[in-house]
PDB file of N, CA and C in Angstrom:
ATOM      1  N   UNK A   1      44.324 -50.907  -1.247  1.00  0.00           N
ATOM      2  CA  UNK A   1      43.600 -49.755  -1.695  1.00  0.00           C
ATOM      3  C   UNK A   1      42.571 -49.404  -0.617  1.00  0.00           C
ATOM      4  N   UNK A   2      42.589 -48.142  -0.210  1.00  0.00           N
ATOM      5  CA  UNK A   2      41.680 -47.747   0.858  1.00  0.00           C
ATOM      6  C   UNK A   2      40.316 -47.330   0.307  1.00  0.00           C
ATOM      7  N   UNK A   3      39.397 -47.095   1.204  1.00  0.00           N
ATOM      8  CA  UNK A   3      38.056 -46.723   0.805  1.00  0.00           C
ATOM      9  C   UNK A   3      38.019 -45.322   0.199  1.00  0.00           C
ATOM     10  N   UNK A   4      38.939 -44.474   0.614  1.00  0.00           N
ATOM     11  CA  UNK A   4      38.935 -43.071   0.162  1.00  0.00           C
ATOM     12  C   UNK A   4      39.588 -42.887  -1.223  1.00  0.00           C
ATOM     13  N   UNK A   5      40.314 -43.905  -1.687  1.00  0.00           N
ATOM     14  CA  UNK A   5      40.919 -43.800  -3.000  1.00  0.00           C
ATOM     15  C   UNK A   5      39.866 -44.041  -4.061  1.00  0.00           C
ATOM     16  N   UNK A   6      39.823 -43.157  -5.061  1.00  0.00           N
ATOM     17  CA  UNK A   6      38.825 -43.293  -6.114  1.00  0.00           C
ATOM     18  C   UNK A   6      39.450 -42.846  -7.429  1.00  0.00           C
ATOM     19  N   UNK A   7      38.965 -43.418  -8.493  1.00  0.00           N
ATOM     20  CA  UNK A   7      39.451 -43.053  -9.821  1.00  0.00           C
ATOM     21  C   UNK A   7      38.728 -41.840 -10.378  1.00  0.00           C
ATOM     22  N   UNK A   8      37.659 -41.390  -9.673  1.00  0.00           N
ATOM     23  CA  UNK A   8      36.885 -40.247 -10.144  1.00  0.00           C
ATOM     24  C   UNK A   8      37.471 -38.971  -9.545  1.00  0.00           C
ATOM     25  N   UNK A   9      37.670 -37.997 -10.351  1.00  0.00           N
ATOM     26  CA  UNK A   9      38.193 -36.701  -9.877  1.00  0.00           C
ATOM     27  C   UNK A   9      37.137 -35.985  -9.028  1.00  0.00           C
ATOM     28  N   UNK A  10      37.424 -35.575  -7.788  1.00  0.00           N
ATOM     29  CA  UNK A  10      36.427 -34.906  -6.965  1.00  0.00           C
ATOM     30  C   UNK A  10      35.956 -33.556  -7.525  1.00  0.00           C
ATOM     31  N   UNK A  11      36.784 -32.872  -8.223  1.00  0.00           N
ATOM     32  CA  UNK A  11      36.393 -31.585  -8.823  1.00  0.00           C
ATOM     33  C   UNK A  11      35.423 -31.820  -9.969  1.00  0.00           C
ATOM     34  N   UNK A  12      35.681 -32.835 -10.772  1.00  0.00           N
ATOM     35  CA  UNK A  12      34.770 -33.146 -11.878  1.00  0.00           C
ATOM     36  C   UNK A  12      33.430 -33.660 -11.346  1.00  0.00           C
ATOM     37  N   UNK A  13      33.485 -34.406 -10.254  1.00  0.00           N
ATOM     38  CA  UNK A  13      32.242 -34.893  -9.648  1.00  0.00           C
ATOM     39  C   UNK A  13      31.430 -33.745  -9.083  1.00  0.00           C
ATOM     40  N   UNK A  14      32.052 -32.802  -8.430  1.00  0.00           N
ATOM     41  CA  UNK A  14      31.378 -31.612  -7.912  1.00  0.00           C
ATOM     42  C   UNK A  14      30.775 -30.774  -9.043  1.00  0.00           C
ATOM     43  N   UNK A  15      31.518 -30.684 -10.159  1.00  0.00           N
ATOM     44  CA  UNK A  15      31.010 -29.927 -11.305  1.00  0.00           C
ATOM     45  C   UNK A  15      29.764 -30.615 -11.882  1.00  0.00           C
ATOM     46  N   UNK A  16      29.792 -31.937 -11.995  1.00  0.00           N
ATOM     47  CA  UNK A  16      28.646 -32.674 -12.513  1.00  0.00           C
ATOM     48  C   UNK A  16      27.436 -32.542 -11.597  1.00  0.00           C
ATOM     49  N   UNK A  17      27.663 -32.585 -10.303  1.00  0.00           N
ATOM     50  CA  UNK A  17      26.555 -32.424  -9.346  1.00  0.00           C
ATOM     51  C   UNK A  17      25.967 -31.023  -9.457  1.00  0.00           C
ATOM     52  N   UNK A  18      26.824 -30.040  -9.645  1.00  0.00           N
ATOM     53  CA  UNK A  18      26.327 -28.665  -9.781  1.00  0.00           C
ATOM     54  C   UNK A  18      25.502 -28.475 -11.044  1.00  0.00           C
ATOM     55  N   UNK A  19      25.861 -29.207 -12.099  1.00  0.00           N
ATOM     56  CA  UNK A  19      25.087 -29.137 -13.354  1.00  0.00           C
ATOM     57  C   UNK A  19      23.722 -29.819 -13.198  1.00  0.00           C
ATOM     58  N   UNK A  20      23.632 -30.820 -12.338  1.00  0.00           N
ATOM     59  CA  UNK A  20      22.386 -31.569 -12.153  1.00  0.00           C
ATOM     60  C   UNK A  20      21.393 -30.855 -11.214  1.00  0.00           C
ATOM     61  N   UNK A  21      21.870 -29.920 -10.416  1.00  0.00           N
ATOM     62  CA  UNK A  21      21.001 -29.191  -9.517  1.00  0.00           C
ATOM     63  C   UNK A  21      20.014 -28.301 -10.291  1.00  0.00           C
ATOM     64  N   UNK A  22      18.795 -28.157  -9.791  1.00  0.00           N
ATOM     65  CA  UNK A  22      17.873 -27.237 -10.488  1.00  0.00           C
ATOM     66  C   UNK A  22      18.377 -25.809 -10.338  1.00  0.00           C
ATOM     67  N   UNK A  23      18.140 -25.001 -11.353  1.00  0.00           N
ATOM     68  CA  UNK A  23      18.637 -23.622 -11.296  1.00  0.00           C
ATOM     69  C   UNK A  23      17.967 -22.833 -10.165  1.00  0.00           C
ATOM     70  N   UNK A  24      18.773 -21.987  -9.526  1.00  0.00           N
ATOM     71  CA  UNK A  24      18.243 -21.165  -8.449  1.00  0.00           C
ATOM     72  C   UNK A  24      17.547 -19.972  -9.066  1.00  0.00           C
ATOM     73  N   UNK A  25      16.279 -19.833  -8.695  1.00  0.00           N
ATOM     74  CA  UNK A  25      15.509 -18.712  -9.272  1.00  0.00           C
ATOM     75  C   UNK A  25      15.700 -17.474  -8.420  1.00  0.00           C
ATOM     76  N   UNK A  26      16.188 -16.440  -9.050  1.00  0.00           N
ATOM     77  CA  UNK A  26      16.409 -15.197  -8.335  1.00  0.00           C
ATOM     78  C   UNK A  26      15.148 -14.369  -8.345  1.00  0.00           C
ATOM     79  N   UNK A  27      14.883 -13.737  -7.215  1.00  0.00           N
ATOM     80  CA  UNK A  27      13.710 -12.879  -7.132  1.00  0.00           C
ATOM     81  C   UNK A  27      14.056 -11.491  -7.679  1.00  0.00           C
ATOM     82  N   UNK A  28      13.140 -10.952  -8.440  1.00  0.00           N
ATOM     83  CA  UNK A  28      13.351  -9.620  -8.949  1.00  0.00           C
ATOM     84  C   UNK A  28      12.685  -8.606  -8.047  1.00  0.00           C
ATOM     85  N   UNK A  29      13.106  -7.402  -8.114  1.00  0.00           N
ATOM     86  CA  UNK A  29      12.538  -6.338  -7.275  1.00  0.00           C
ATOM     87  C   UNK A  29      11.465  -5.543  -7.977  1.00  0.00           C
ATOM     88  N   UNK A  30      11.130  -5.882  -9.194  1.00  0.00           N
ATOM     89  CA  UNK A  30      10.136  -5.099  -9.931  1.00  0.00           C
ATOM     90  C   UNK A  30       8.749  -5.215  -9.343  1.00  0.00           C
ATOM     91  N   UNK A  31       8.326  -6.385  -8.903  1.00  0.00           N
ATOM     92  CA  UNK A  31       6.981  -6.529  -8.343  1.00  0.00           C
ATOM     93  C   UNK A  31       6.764  -5.716  -7.078  1.00  0.00           C
ATOM     94  N   UNK A  32       7.626  -5.808  -6.068  1.00  0.00           N
ATOM     95  CA  UNK A  32       7.420  -4.966  -4.889  1.00  0.00           C
ATOM     96  C   UNK A  32       7.602  -3.469  -5.187  1.00  0.00           C
ATOM     97  N   UNK A  33       8.460  -3.142  -6.108  1.00  0.00           N
ATOM     98  CA  UNK A  33       8.676  -1.760  -6.454  1.00  0.00           C
ATOM     99  C   UNK A  33       7.439  -1.166  -7.117  1.00  0.00           C
ATOM    100  N   UNK A  34       6.847  -1.910  -8.032  1.00  0.00           N
ATOM    101  CA  UNK A  34       5.628  -1.406  -8.694  1.00  0.00           C
ATOM    102  C   UNK A  34       4.465  -1.363  -7.727  1.00  0.00           C
ATOM    103  N   UNK A  35       4.358  -2.307  -6.823  1.00  0.00           N
ATOM    104  CA  UNK A  35       3.265  -2.289  -5.847  1.00  0.00           C
ATOM    105  C   UNK A  35       3.395  -1.097  -4.912  1.00  0.00           C
ATOM    106  N   UNK A  36       4.587  -0.816  -4.461  1.00  0.00           N
ATOM    107  CA  UNK A  36       4.766   0.337  -3.564  1.00  0.00           C
ATOM    108  C   UNK A  36       4.561   1.641  -4.308  1.00  0.00           C
ATOM    109  N   UNK A  37       4.943   1.714  -5.576  1.00  0.00           N
ATOM    110  CA  UNK A  37       4.697   2.934  -6.353  1.00  0.00           C
ATOM    111  C   UNK A  37       3.210   3.152  -6.558  1.00  0.00           C
ATOM    112  N   UNK A  38       2.469   2.070  -6.821  1.00  0.00           N
ATOM    113  CA  UNK A  38       1.018   2.183  -6.973  1.00  0.00           C
ATOM    114  C   UNK A  38       0.381   2.637  -5.667  1.00  0.00           C
ATOM    115  N   UNK A  39       0.804   2.096  -4.549  1.00  0.00           N
ATOM    116  CA  UNK A  39       0.254   2.492  -3.253  1.00  0.00           C
ATOM    117  C   UNK A  39       0.551   3.959  -2.955  1.00  0.00           C
ATOM    118  N   UNK A  40       1.750   4.397  -3.278  1.00  0.00           N
ATOM    119  CA  UNK A  40       2.110   5.802  -3.042  1.00  0.00           C
ATOM    120  C   UNK A  40       1.282   6.735  -3.924  1.00  0.00           C
ATOM    121  N   UNK A  41       1.100   6.368  -5.173  1.00  0.00           N
ATOM    122  CA  UNK A  41       0.303   7.230  -6.074  1.00  0.00           C
ATOM    123  C   UNK A  41      -1.172   7.264  -5.637  1.00  0.00           C
ATOM    124  N   UNK A  42      -1.688   6.138  -5.201  1.00  0.00           N
ATOM    125  CA  UNK A  42      -3.072   6.100  -4.719  1.00  0.00           C
ATOM    126  C   UNK A  42      -3.226   6.953  -3.460  1.00  0.00           C
ATOM    127  N   UNK A  43      -2.262   6.892  -2.574  1.00  0.00           N
ATOM    128  CA  UNK A  43      -2.307   7.692  -1.350  1.00  0.00           C
ATOM    129  C   UNK A  43      -2.242   9.194  -1.684  1.00  0.00           C
ATOM    130  N   UNK A  44      -1.396   9.549  -2.601  1.00  0.00           N
ATOM    131  CA  UNK A  44      -1.294  10.958  -3.016  1.00  0.00           C
ATOM    132  C   UNK A  44      -2.568  11.444  -3.707  1.00  0.00           C
ATOM    133  N   UNK A  45      -3.140  10.595  -4.525  1.00  0.00           N
ATOM    134  CA  UNK A  45      -4.387  10.967  -5.212  1.00  0.00           C
ATOM    135  C   UNK A  45      -5.530  11.154  -4.206  1.00  0.00           C
ATOM    136  N   UNK A  46      -5.642  10.258  -3.245  1.00  0.00           N
ATOM    137  CA  UNK A  46      -6.707  10.402  -2.257  1.00  0.00           C
ATOM    138  C   UNK A  46      -6.470  11.614  -1.348  1.00  0.00           C
ATOM    139  N   UNK A  47      -5.225  11.870  -0.992  1.00  0.00           N
ATOM    140  CA  UNK A  47      -4.925  13.030  -0.183  1.00  0.00           C
ATOM    141  C   UNK A  47      -5.233  14.323  -0.937  1.00  0.00           C
ATOM    142  N   UNK A  48      -4.930  14.364  -2.212  1.00  0.00           N
ATOM    143  CA  UNK A  48      -5.235  15.537  -3.041  1.00  0.00           C
ATOM    144  C   UNK A  48      -6.749  15.721  -3.134  1.00  0.00           C
ATOM    145  N   UNK A  49      -7.474  14.646  -3.321  1.00  0.00           N
ATOM    146  CA  UNK A  49      -8.937  14.739  -3.391  1.00  0.00           C
ATOM    147  C   UNK A  49      -9.528  15.226  -2.062  1.00  0.00           C
ATOM    148  N   UNK A  50      -8.955  14.773  -0.964  1.00  0.00           N
ATOM    149  CA  UNK A  50      -9.431  15.248   0.357  1.00  0.00           C
ATOM    150  C   UNK A  50      -9.167  16.753   0.530  1.00  0.00           C
ATOM    151  N   UNK A  51      -8.018  17.209   0.051  1.00  0.00           N
ATOM    152  CA  UNK A  51      -7.697  18.622   0.234  1.00  0.00           C
ATOM    153  C   UNK A  51      -8.456  19.520  -0.718  1.00  0.00           C
ATOM    154  N   UNK A  52      -8.733  19.046  -1.913  1.00  0.00           N
ATOM    155  CA  UNK A  52      -9.404  19.856  -2.919  1.00  0.00           C
ATOM    156  C   UNK A  52     -10.941  19.888  -2.765  1.00  0.00           C
ATOM    157  N   UNK A  53     -11.504  18.890  -2.148  1.00  0.00           N
ATOM    158  CA  UNK A  53     -12.949  18.834  -2.064  1.00  0.00           C
ATOM    159  C   UNK A  53     -13.460  19.851  -1.033  1.00  0.00           C
ATOM    160  N   UNK A  54     -14.637  20.418  -1.306  1.00  0.00           N
ATOM    161  CA  UNK A  54     -15.189  21.381  -0.367  1.00  0.00           C
ATOM    162  C   UNK A  54     -15.718  20.674   0.894  1.00  0.00           C
ATOM    163  N   UNK A  55     -15.745  21.384   1.980  1.00  0.00           N
ATOM    164  CA  UNK A  55     -16.256  20.767   3.212  1.00  0.00           C
ATOM    165  C   UNK A  55     -17.761  20.486   3.097  1.00  0.00           C
ATOM    166  N   UNK A  56     -18.209  19.486   3.773  1.00  0.00           N
ATOM    167  CA  UNK A  56     -19.610  19.092   3.694  1.00  0.00           C
ATOM    168  C   UNK A  56     -20.387  19.507   4.934  1.00  0.00           C
ATOM    169  N   UNK A  57     -19.968  20.568   5.566  1.00  0.00           N
ATOM    170  CA  UNK A  57     -20.637  21.042   6.772  1.00  0.00           C
ATOM    171  C   UNK A  57     -21.716  22.039   6.352  1.00  0.00           C
ATOM    172  N   UNK A  58     -22.925  21.772   6.784  1.00  0.00           N
ATOM    173  CA  UNK A  58     -24.037  22.634   6.462  1.00  0.00           C
ATOM    174  C   UNK A  58     -25.039  22.585   7.595  1.00  0.00           C
ATOM    175  N   UNK A  59     -25.689  23.699   7.842  1.00  0.00           N
ATOM    176  CA  UNK A  59     -26.720  23.701   8.885  1.00  0.00           C
ATOM    177  C   UNK A  59     -28.115  23.804   8.267  1.00  0.00           C
ATOM    178  N   UNK A  60     -28.231  23.553   6.981  1.00  0.00           N
ATOM    179  CA  UNK A  60     -29.540  23.632   6.317  1.00  0.00           C
ATOM    180  C   UNK A  60     -30.518  22.613   6.873  1.00  0.00           C
ATOM    181  N   UNK A  61     -30.167  21.355   7.115  1.00  0.00           N
ATOM    182  CA  UNK A  61     -31.130  20.434   7.683  1.00  0.00           C
ATOM    183  C   UNK A  61     -31.568  20.848   9.108  1.00  0.00           C
ATOM    184  N   UNK A  62     -30.671  21.455   9.827  1.00  0.00           N
ATOM    185  CA  UNK A  62     -31.014  21.889  11.175  1.00  0.00           C
ATOM    186  C   UNK A  62     -32.072  22.985  11.107  1.00  0.00           C
ATOM    187  N   UNK A  63     -31.928  23.899  10.196  1.00  0.00           N
ATOM    188  CA  UNK A  63     -32.896  24.985  10.055  1.00  0.00           C
ATOM    189  C   UNK A  63     -34.245  24.434   9.597  1.00  0.00           C
ATOM    190  N   UNK A  64     -34.189  23.456   8.740  1.00  0.00           N
ATOM    191  CA  UNK A  64     -35.429  22.904   8.205  1.00  0.00           C
ATOM    192  C   UNK A  64     -36.229  22.118   9.247  1.00  0.00           C
ATOM    193  N   UNK A  65     -35.511  21.365  10.099  1.00  0.00           N
ATOM    194  CA  UNK A  65     -36.187  20.508  11.054  1.00  0.00           C
ATOM    195  C   UNK A  65     -36.395  21.167  12.415  1.00  0.00           C
ATOM    196  N   UNK A  66     -35.660  22.196  12.694  1.00  0.00           N
ATOM    197  CA  UNK A  66     -35.742  22.809  14.023  1.00  0.00           C
ATOM    198  C   UNK A  66     -36.976  23.684  14.145  1.00  0.00           C
ATOM    199  N   UNK A  67     -37.392  23.883  15.375  1.00  0.00           N
ATOM    200  CA  UNK A  67     -38.502  24.782  15.643  1.00  0.00           C
ATOM    201  C   UNK A  67     -38.016  26.238  15.424  1.00  0.00           C
ATOM    202  N   UNK A  68     -38.901  27.126  15.102  1.00  0.00           N
ATOM    203  CA  UNK A  68     -38.482  28.517  14.910  1.00  0.00           C
ATOM    204  C   UNK A  68     -37.886  29.057  16.189  1.00  0.00           C
ATOM    205  N   UNK A  69     -36.753  29.674  16.066  1.00  0.00           N
ATOM    206  CA  UNK A  69     -36.064  30.259  17.215  1.00  0.00           C
ATOM    207  C   UNK A  69     -35.064  29.319  17.849  1.00  0.00           C
ATOM    208  N   UNK A  70     -35.111  28.012  17.555  1.00  0.00           N
ATOM    209  CA  UNK A  70     -34.180  27.051  18.161  1.00  0.00           C
ATOM    210  C   UNK A  70     -32.772  27.262  17.630  1.00  0.00           C
ATOM    211  N   UNK A  71     -32.666  27.578  16.343  1.00  0.00           N
ATOM    212  CA  UNK A  71     -31.356  27.789  15.747  1.00  0.00           C
ATOM    213  C   UNK A  71     -30.754  29.072  16.313  1.00  0.00           C
ATOM    214  N   UNK A  72     -31.564  30.081  16.553  1.00  0.00           N
ATOM    215  CA  UNK A  72     -31.053  31.316  17.124  1.00  0.00           C
ATOM    216  C   UNK A  72     -30.494  31.079  18.512  1.00  0.00           C
ATOM    217  N   UNK A  73     -31.103  30.182  19.258  1.00  0.00           N
ATOM    218  CA  UNK A  73     -30.638  29.923  20.609  1.00  0.00           C
ATOM    219  C   UNK A  73     -29.275  29.198  20.599  1.00  0.00           C
ATOM    220  N   UNK A  74     -29.028  28.378  19.584  1.00  0.00           N
ATOM    221  CA  UNK A  74     -27.781  27.632  19.543  1.00  0.00           C
ATOM    222  C   UNK A  74     -26.672  28.450  18.859  1.00  0.00           C
ATOM    223  N   UNK A  75     -26.974  29.046  17.698  1.00  0.00           N
ATOM    224  CA  UNK A  75     -25.943  29.727  16.944  1.00  0.00           C
ATOM    225  C   UNK A  75     -25.863  31.218  17.242  1.00  0.00           C
ATOM    226  N   UNK A  76     -26.876  31.773  17.749  1.00  0.00           N
ATOM    227  CA  UNK A  76     -26.903  33.225  17.949  1.00  0.00           C
ATOM    228  C   UNK A  76     -27.653  33.861  16.818  1.00  0.00           C
ATOM    229  N   UNK A  77     -28.270  35.000  17.048  1.00  0.00           N
ATOM    230  CA  UNK A  77     -29.106  35.617  16.001  1.00  0.00           C
ATOM    231  C   UNK A  77     -28.323  36.094  14.799  1.00  0.00           C
ATOM    232  N   UNK A  78     -27.037  36.450  14.935  1.00  0.00           N
ATOM    233  CA  UNK A  78     -26.289  36.979  13.800  1.00  0.00           C
ATOM    234  C   UNK A  78     -25.824  35.872  12.859  1.00  0.00           C
ATOM    235  N   UNK A  79     -25.664  34.625  13.341  1.00  0.00           N
ATOM    236  CA  UNK A  79     -25.203  33.520  12.499  1.00  0.00           C
ATOM    237  C   UNK A  79     -26.359  32.667  11.938  1.00  0.00           C
ATOM    238  N   UNK A  80     -27.513  32.839  12.437  1.00  0.00           N
ATOM    239  CA  UNK A  80     -28.585  31.944  12.006  1.00  0.00           C
ATOM    240  C   UNK A  80     -29.168  32.320  10.653  1.00  0.00           C
ATOM    241  N   UNK A  81     -28.925  33.497  10.167  1.00  0.00           N
ATOM    242  CA  UNK A  81     -29.471  33.912   8.874  1.00  0.00           C
ATOM    243  C   UNK A  81     -28.415  34.197   7.863  1.00  0.00           C
TER     244      UNK A  81
END
């Protein structure tokens, strides 16, 4: 009798080993999908807020702090008032 001869069926042994292995955990795609959807919605919301908000450009502090006539020299007399 050689070393390779065995009374155990190799197919049954492979089946038993497969049953003893821990189950393979499959990754789901829901977590990355929800994260990317949230990021896209946040980006769209911020872009909409940027487009809808009024500009914050004003020359009122310049007029208040500048010497009389200094604003006219920079902006011109027709734009200073």
